Amino acid sequence: MAKDRSFSAKTSKSAQEGQRVCQQCGEAYTNVKVVQSVKKENSDHWRFKEKIVAMCKCNEQEYYK
């Protein structure tokens, strides 16, 4: 019989395998998507810039403005 594994058990195992740790604060990095709205210069249209950054306790104030 196969071993029964829940989804939360699978994700917690995969999250623990590849954790990177900040050298300054010792916290694990969390990947966060940052979205910025930018208005085009030559028209009244808005554009969204998206990027994924690694965030920890040290640099979270940079992105939470």
Protein backbone atom coordinates (compact mmCIF):
# COMPACT_ATOMS: atom_id res chain seq x y z
CA MET A 1 0.00 0.00 0.00
CA ALA A 2 1.21 3.48 -0.81
CA LYS A 3 2.06 5.98 1.88
CA ASP A 4 -0.58 8.70 2.26
CA ARG A 5 0.91 12.21 2.02
CA SER A 6 -1.01 15.43 2.31
CA PHE A 7 -0.36 18.52 0.20
CA SER A 8 0.93 20.48 3.20
CA ALA A 9 3.50 17.78 3.97
CA LYS A 10 4.78 17.90 0.39
CA THR A 11 5.10 21.70 0.32
CA SER A 12 6.76 21.96 3.72
CA LYS A 13 9.38 19.42 2.70
CA SER A 14 10.18 21.22 -0.56
CA ALA A 15 10.32 24.57 1.23
CA GLN A 16 12.86 23.30 3.75
CA GLU A 17 15.19 21.81 1.15
CA GLY A 18 16.21 24.97 -0.69
CA GLN A 19 16.11 27.73 1.93
CA ARG A 20 18.62 30.53 1.67
CA VAL A 21 19.46 32.44 4.84
CA CYS A 22 20.38 36.12 5.16
CA GLN A 23 23.87 36.66 6.52
CA GLN A 24 22.95 39.85 8.38
CA CYS A 25 19.79 38.88 10.28
CA GLY A 26 19.78 35.08 9.99
CA GLU A 27 16.20 34.92 8.66
CA ALA A 28 15.20 32.82 5.66
CA TYR A 29 14.51 34.66 2.42
CA THR A 30 10.95 34.81 1.13
CA ASN A 31 10.24 35.32 -2.57
CA VAL A 32 7.81 38.20 -3.08
CA LYS A 33 6.37 39.70 -6.28
CA VAL A 34 6.73 43.49 -6.34
CA VAL A 35 4.42 45.42 -8.69
CA GLN A 36 5.05 49.10 -9.48
CA SER A 37 2.70 51.31 -11.47
CA VAL A 38 4.46 53.70 -13.85
CA LYS A 39 2.79 56.37 -15.95
CA LYS A 40 4.05 56.73 -19.52
CA GLU A 41 5.58 60.12 -20.31
CA ASN A 42 4.07 60.67 -23.73
CA SER A 43 0.51 59.50 -22.95
CA ASP A 44 -1.89 59.09 -20.06
CA HIS A 45 -1.52 55.31 -19.94
CA TRP A 46 -0.31 53.36 -16.92
CA ARG A 47 2.10 50.46 -17.10
CA PHE A 48 2.90 47.86 -14.46
CA LYS A 49 6.41 46.61 -13.75
CA GLU A 50 6.58 43.25 -12.02
CA LYS A 51 9.63 41.60 -10.50
CA ILE A 52 10.27 38.87 -7.96
CA VAL A 53 12.66 39.70 -5.13
CA ALA A 54 14.08 37.77 -2.18
CA MET A 55 13.01 39.50 1.02
CA CYS A 56 14.06 39.07 4.66
CA LYS A 57 13.70 41.17 7.81
CA CYS A 58 16.66 43.41 6.82
CA ASN A 59 15.35 44.64 3.48
CA GLU A 60 11.57 44.45 3.88
CA GLN A 61 11.30 48.22 4.55
CA GLU A 62 12.81 48.87 1.10
CA TYR A 63 9.80 47.29 -0.60
CA TYR A 64 7.01 48.27 1.87
CA LYS A 65 6.91 51.98 1.17
